[in-house]
Amino acid sequence: MGLLEGKKLLVTGVLTDHSIAFHVARLAQLEGAEVVLTSFGRQMRLTQAIAKRLPAPAPVIELDITDDEHLASLADRLREHVDHLDGAVHSIGFAPQSVMGGNFLAGEWADVATALEVSAFSLKSLAVAVKPLMTGGGSIVGLTFDASFAWPVYDWMGVAKAAFESTSRYLARDLGPDGIRVNLVSAGPIRTTAAKSIPGFEKMEGGWPERAPLGWDQTDPEPTARAVAALLSDWFPATTGEIVHVDGGVHAMGL
């Protein structure tokens, strides 16, 4: 029996087969889960094509996390594929380049607001949207990049991640009585499509393998995906509001 045998999961953020979300979906299927993916707009066709590379076919439904109609209808549209959900993966983030890459002081509120809505508030939006399908409890897992530090070039996305991490704790508080756990995985730098969109990303990843006691491979998303899969499983029944670091140990070392 697989770690996620019989689970029904929603996975957001699958864009390429190099993405963390893709490897979460792949591992989840290999461990026995049924998976539904989301995408939106022009990315739909890309996600549908990438979904064919999974071990088993996975339906793709449209979800713009900032669209109130999409969110309000999400549960009903999911019911066309699954009768309930046991878990959901939040792998959504975006900030205009005008508020990253060394532009912290020049950041305008409109662009900062976009980063906060898409990258932080969206966790609450997703949780509320899937809650009607999680009547038996379950697990929501999000992906973050350690917001304890002011990283080079991350700027307002770092602020958004701090808000994201705080949001997860409040969701853990409010969804706990319904048996829904909310946890995050804080990954080290991985060369995904999202990472490559950060101006000067190489400054963030520079020296990471040397600083990590366990070493670090910036091209390998599988360790992070395994942590997400574990948190989606029943092996963490009393863990919520937690951030699990999968970074080779860098978070625990003095800089």
Foldseek 3Di string as FASTA:
>chain_A
DFLQAPAEEEFEDDQACQDLSVLLQQNNVVRHYAYAYEDADPSQVRNCVRQVVHPDHHHYYYDDLVDPVRLQCVQVVVCVPDQAHQEYEDEWFDAPLCQFQPNQVVDDPVRLVVRLVTLAVSLVSNCVSRVVRQQVAHEYEYEAADLPDDAHRCGSNSVSRVNNLVNQLVCCVVCVVSQYAGEYEHEQAAPDPVLVVRVPSCSRNPCQQVLAPQGDDNSDSNVSSVVVSNRRGCPPSPDHSYYHYHRSHNVVDDD
